[in-house]
Protein backbone atom coordinates (compact mmCIF):
# COMPACT_ATOMS: atom_id res chain seq x y z
CA MET A 1 105.30 28.45 9.77
CA ASN A 2 104.14 28.04 13.38
CA HIS A 3 103.55 24.51 14.59
CA LEU A 4 101.21 23.52 17.39
CA ALA A 5 101.23 20.25 19.28
CA LEU A 6 97.81 19.03 18.20
CA GLN A 7 95.94 16.93 20.73
CA PRO A 8 92.93 14.76 19.88
CA ILE A 9 89.55 16.15 20.86
CA HIS A 10 86.32 14.43 21.73
CA VAL A 11 83.05 16.03 20.74
CA ALA A 12 80.91 16.53 23.86
CA GLU A 13 77.67 15.35 22.22
CA ALA A 14 77.00 12.80 19.54
CA PRO A 15 77.08 14.48 16.13
CA ARG A 16 73.78 15.47 14.60
CA TRP A 17 72.85 13.72 11.37
CA GLU A 18 73.72 16.74 9.20
CA LEU A 19 77.28 16.75 10.57
CA ALA A 20 77.92 13.02 10.17
CA ALA A 21 79.86 13.51 6.91
CA PHE A 22 82.11 16.13 8.49
CA HIS A 23 82.95 13.92 11.44
CA ARG A 24 84.21 11.26 9.05
CA SER A 25 86.30 13.85 7.21
CA PRO A 26 89.94 13.83 8.34
CA SER A 27 90.24 17.44 7.12
CA TYR A 28 87.39 18.69 9.30
CA ARG A 29 88.64 16.73 12.30
CA MET A 30 92.06 18.39 11.84
CA ASP A 31 90.28 21.76 11.82
CA LEU A 32 88.59 20.99 15.13
CA VAL A 33 91.85 19.79 16.69
CA ALA A 34 93.67 22.95 15.51
CA LEU A 35 90.82 25.21 16.69
CA PHE A 36 90.49 23.72 20.17
CA THR A 37 94.25 23.51 20.64
CA MET A 38 94.43 27.24 19.87
CA LEU A 39 91.50 28.03 22.19
CA ASP A 40 93.26 26.13 24.97
CA GLU A 41 96.24 28.47 24.50
CA LEU A 42 94.20 31.69 24.60
CA SER A 43 93.03 33.34 27.79
CA PHE A 44 89.37 34.32 27.54
CA ARG A 45 86.19 34.75 29.55
CA SER A 46 83.79 34.95 26.62
CA MET A 47 83.64 33.52 23.11
CA LEU A 48 81.36 33.92 20.12
CA ASP A 49 81.31 31.39 17.29
CA VAL A 50 80.29 33.21 14.09
CA GLY A 51 78.55 30.99 11.56
CA SER A 52 77.84 28.40 14.23
CA GLY A 53 75.32 26.42 12.18
CA THR A 54 74.20 23.47 14.29
CA GLY A 55 76.34 24.54 17.24
CA LEU A 56 79.05 21.88 17.25
CA VAL A 57 81.83 24.36 18.09
CA VAL A 58 79.71 26.02 20.79
CA ARG A 59 78.82 22.70 22.46
CA GLU A 60 82.40 21.47 22.41
CA ALA A 61 83.80 24.81 23.66
CA ARG A 62 81.30 24.88 26.54
CA GLY A 63 82.36 21.38 27.51
CA ARG A 64 86.07 22.21 27.38
CA HIS A 65 85.80 25.67 28.99
CA PRO A 66 83.08 25.53 31.69
CA GLY A 67 82.19 28.73 33.47
CA ARG A 68 82.89 30.89 30.43
CA ARG A 69 80.23 32.65 28.37
CA ILE A 70 80.19 30.93 25.00
CA ASP A 71 77.60 31.92 22.40
CA GLY A 72 77.00 31.27 18.74
CA VAL A 73 75.37 33.22 15.90
CA ASP A 74 74.80 32.19 12.35
CA ARG A 75 74.82 35.67 10.78
CA PHE A 76 77.70 38.07 10.28
CA ASP A 77 75.59 41.11 11.16
CA PHE A 78 74.50 39.40 14.39
CA GLY A 79 70.92 39.51 13.05
CA ALA A 80 67.89 41.46 14.13
CA GLY A 81 66.89 38.57 16.39
CA GLU A 82 70.24 38.89 18.13
CA ALA A 83 69.61 42.39 19.50
CA ARG A 84 70.52 41.32 23.03
CA ARG A 85 73.92 40.07 21.85
CA ARG A 86 74.60 43.21 19.83
CA ARG A 87 75.63 45.03 23.01
CA ARG A 88 77.95 42.25 24.15
CA ARG A 89 81.67 42.15 23.64
CA TYR A 90 83.68 38.94 23.38
CA ASP A 91 87.30 38.10 24.15
CA VAL A 92 87.46 35.50 21.36
CA MET A 93 85.52 34.99 18.16
CA THR A 94 85.80 31.90 16.01
CA ALA A 95 84.87 31.45 12.36
CA VAL A 96 85.24 27.90 11.06
CA HIS A 97 84.86 27.69 7.27
CA THR A 98 82.69 30.79 7.53
CA LEU A 99 84.40 33.94 6.26
CA ASN A 100 85.02 32.36 2.86
CA HIS A 101 81.21 32.39 2.43
CA ALA A 102 80.59 35.96 3.61
CA PRO A 103 78.78 37.92 0.90
CA HIS A 104 80.30 41.17 2.23
CA LEU A 105 83.63 40.32 3.83
CA ASP A 106 84.37 43.90 4.89
CA ARG A 107 81.04 44.18 6.72
CA ALA A 108 81.64 40.82 8.41
CA ALA A 109 85.08 41.97 9.60
CA ALA A 110 83.61 45.27 10.84
CA SER A 111 80.88 43.48 12.82
CA MET A 112 83.39 41.11 14.35
CA ALA A 113 85.75 43.94 15.34
CA GLU A 114 82.85 45.94 16.81
CA HIS A 115 81.92 43.07 19.13
CA LEU A 116 85.46 42.10 20.11
CA THR A 117 87.13 43.38 23.27
CA ALA A 118 90.40 45.33 22.99
CA GLY A 119 93.20 42.78 22.91
CA GLY A 120 90.71 40.07 21.89
CA HIS A 121 91.31 37.46 19.22
CA VAL A 122 89.54 36.28 16.08
CA VAL A 123 90.39 32.68 15.16
CA VAL A 124 89.64 31.83 11.53
CA VAL A 125 89.74 28.32 10.10
CA ASN A 126 90.12 28.50 6.35
CA PRO A 127 89.53 25.50 4.06
CA ASN A 128 92.21 23.90 1.94
CA PRO A 129 92.68 25.75 -1.38
CA ALA A 130 92.77 22.37 -3.14
CA PHE A 131 89.03 21.96 -2.47
CA THR A 132 88.01 24.74 -4.87
CA TRP A 133 87.29 22.09 -7.51
CA ILE A 134 84.28 20.92 -5.46
CA GLY A 135 82.94 24.44 -5.05
CA VAL A 136 84.59 25.43 -1.77
CA GLU A 137 85.66 29.07 -1.92
CA TYR A 138 89.18 29.72 -0.72
CA LEU A 139 90.04 32.99 1.01
CA ASP A 140 93.69 33.88 0.59
CA PRO A 141 95.19 34.95 3.94
CA ARG A 142 96.70 38.06 2.30
CA ILE A 143 93.22 39.19 1.25
CA LEU A 144 91.87 38.48 4.71
CA ASP A 145 94.75 40.48 6.23
CA ARG A 146 93.88 43.49 4.03
CA VAL A 147 90.19 43.27 4.98
CA MET A 148 90.82 42.88 8.73
CA ALA A 149 93.50 45.59 9.09
CA PRO A 150 91.23 48.68 8.70
CA HIS A 151 89.15 47.33 11.60
CA GLY A 152 92.14 47.13 13.94
CA LEU A 153 92.66 43.39 13.50
CA ARG A 154 96.25 42.26 12.88
CA ARG A 155 97.29 38.71 12.15
CA VAL A 156 99.50 37.31 14.90
CA ARG A 157 99.60 33.67 13.88
CA LEU A 158 99.21 31.38 10.88
CA LEU A 159 99.12 27.62 11.17
CA GLU A 160 99.20 25.64 7.92
CA TYR A 161 98.29 21.96 8.11
CA GLY A 162 96.61 21.41 4.74
CA ASN A 163 93.90 23.82 5.83
CA GLU A 164 94.78 27.08 7.60
CA LEU A 165 94.17 28.53 11.03
CA LEU A 166 94.71 32.29 11.31
CA VAL A 167 94.65 34.28 14.53
CA TYR A 168 94.00 38.04 14.55
CA ARG A 169 94.37 40.32 17.55
CA LYS A 170 92.43 43.55 18.02
CA ASN A 171 94.57 46.59 18.86
C-alpha cells in the first residue's frame, strides 16, 4: 500500500447548499485531501474533472493551480453540448465517486482515454465498499483495471484510506 502525506485543504468558495452534507462528511473530506495531495504531485497543464456536478473540484483545482486550464463535464461521453471540448486533450482527468455510477463503464473509459494526452493520468476516487448498504455502488479496483487496460490505461498507484484513490497512466 502506498501512503501519502495528506495535507488539509481549504475549499476556495463556500460550499453550495447541495454539498453541505458532504462537507460535514469526514469520508468526503478525506477524499478531497487525497485527491488534491495527488494533484499537487502530478505535473500537468490541463485537467478535466469528469462528473463534476456542482463544480467543487474544478473551483478548488483552479484556486490551487492558477494558470492551468481546468474544466469540468458532467457526462462521460462529453455530451453534445460539449462539442468544443471534444477536440481537447487533457494531461489529467479526475473522477470523484463517478465511475461507480457509469452506466457503460467501458464507454466511459474509452472516452476518457480518447481525451487524455499520452503519458497523462486519470485519478479515480472510489467510495468505501462498506457504504454499499446505503446504496453506494462499489467498483472493485481489479474490475476497473480490466476495463481501463484495453484503452491503454495502466494503474500506477493505489492509495487505500477507507476509500480508495487509484491513478492510471496512459501509455
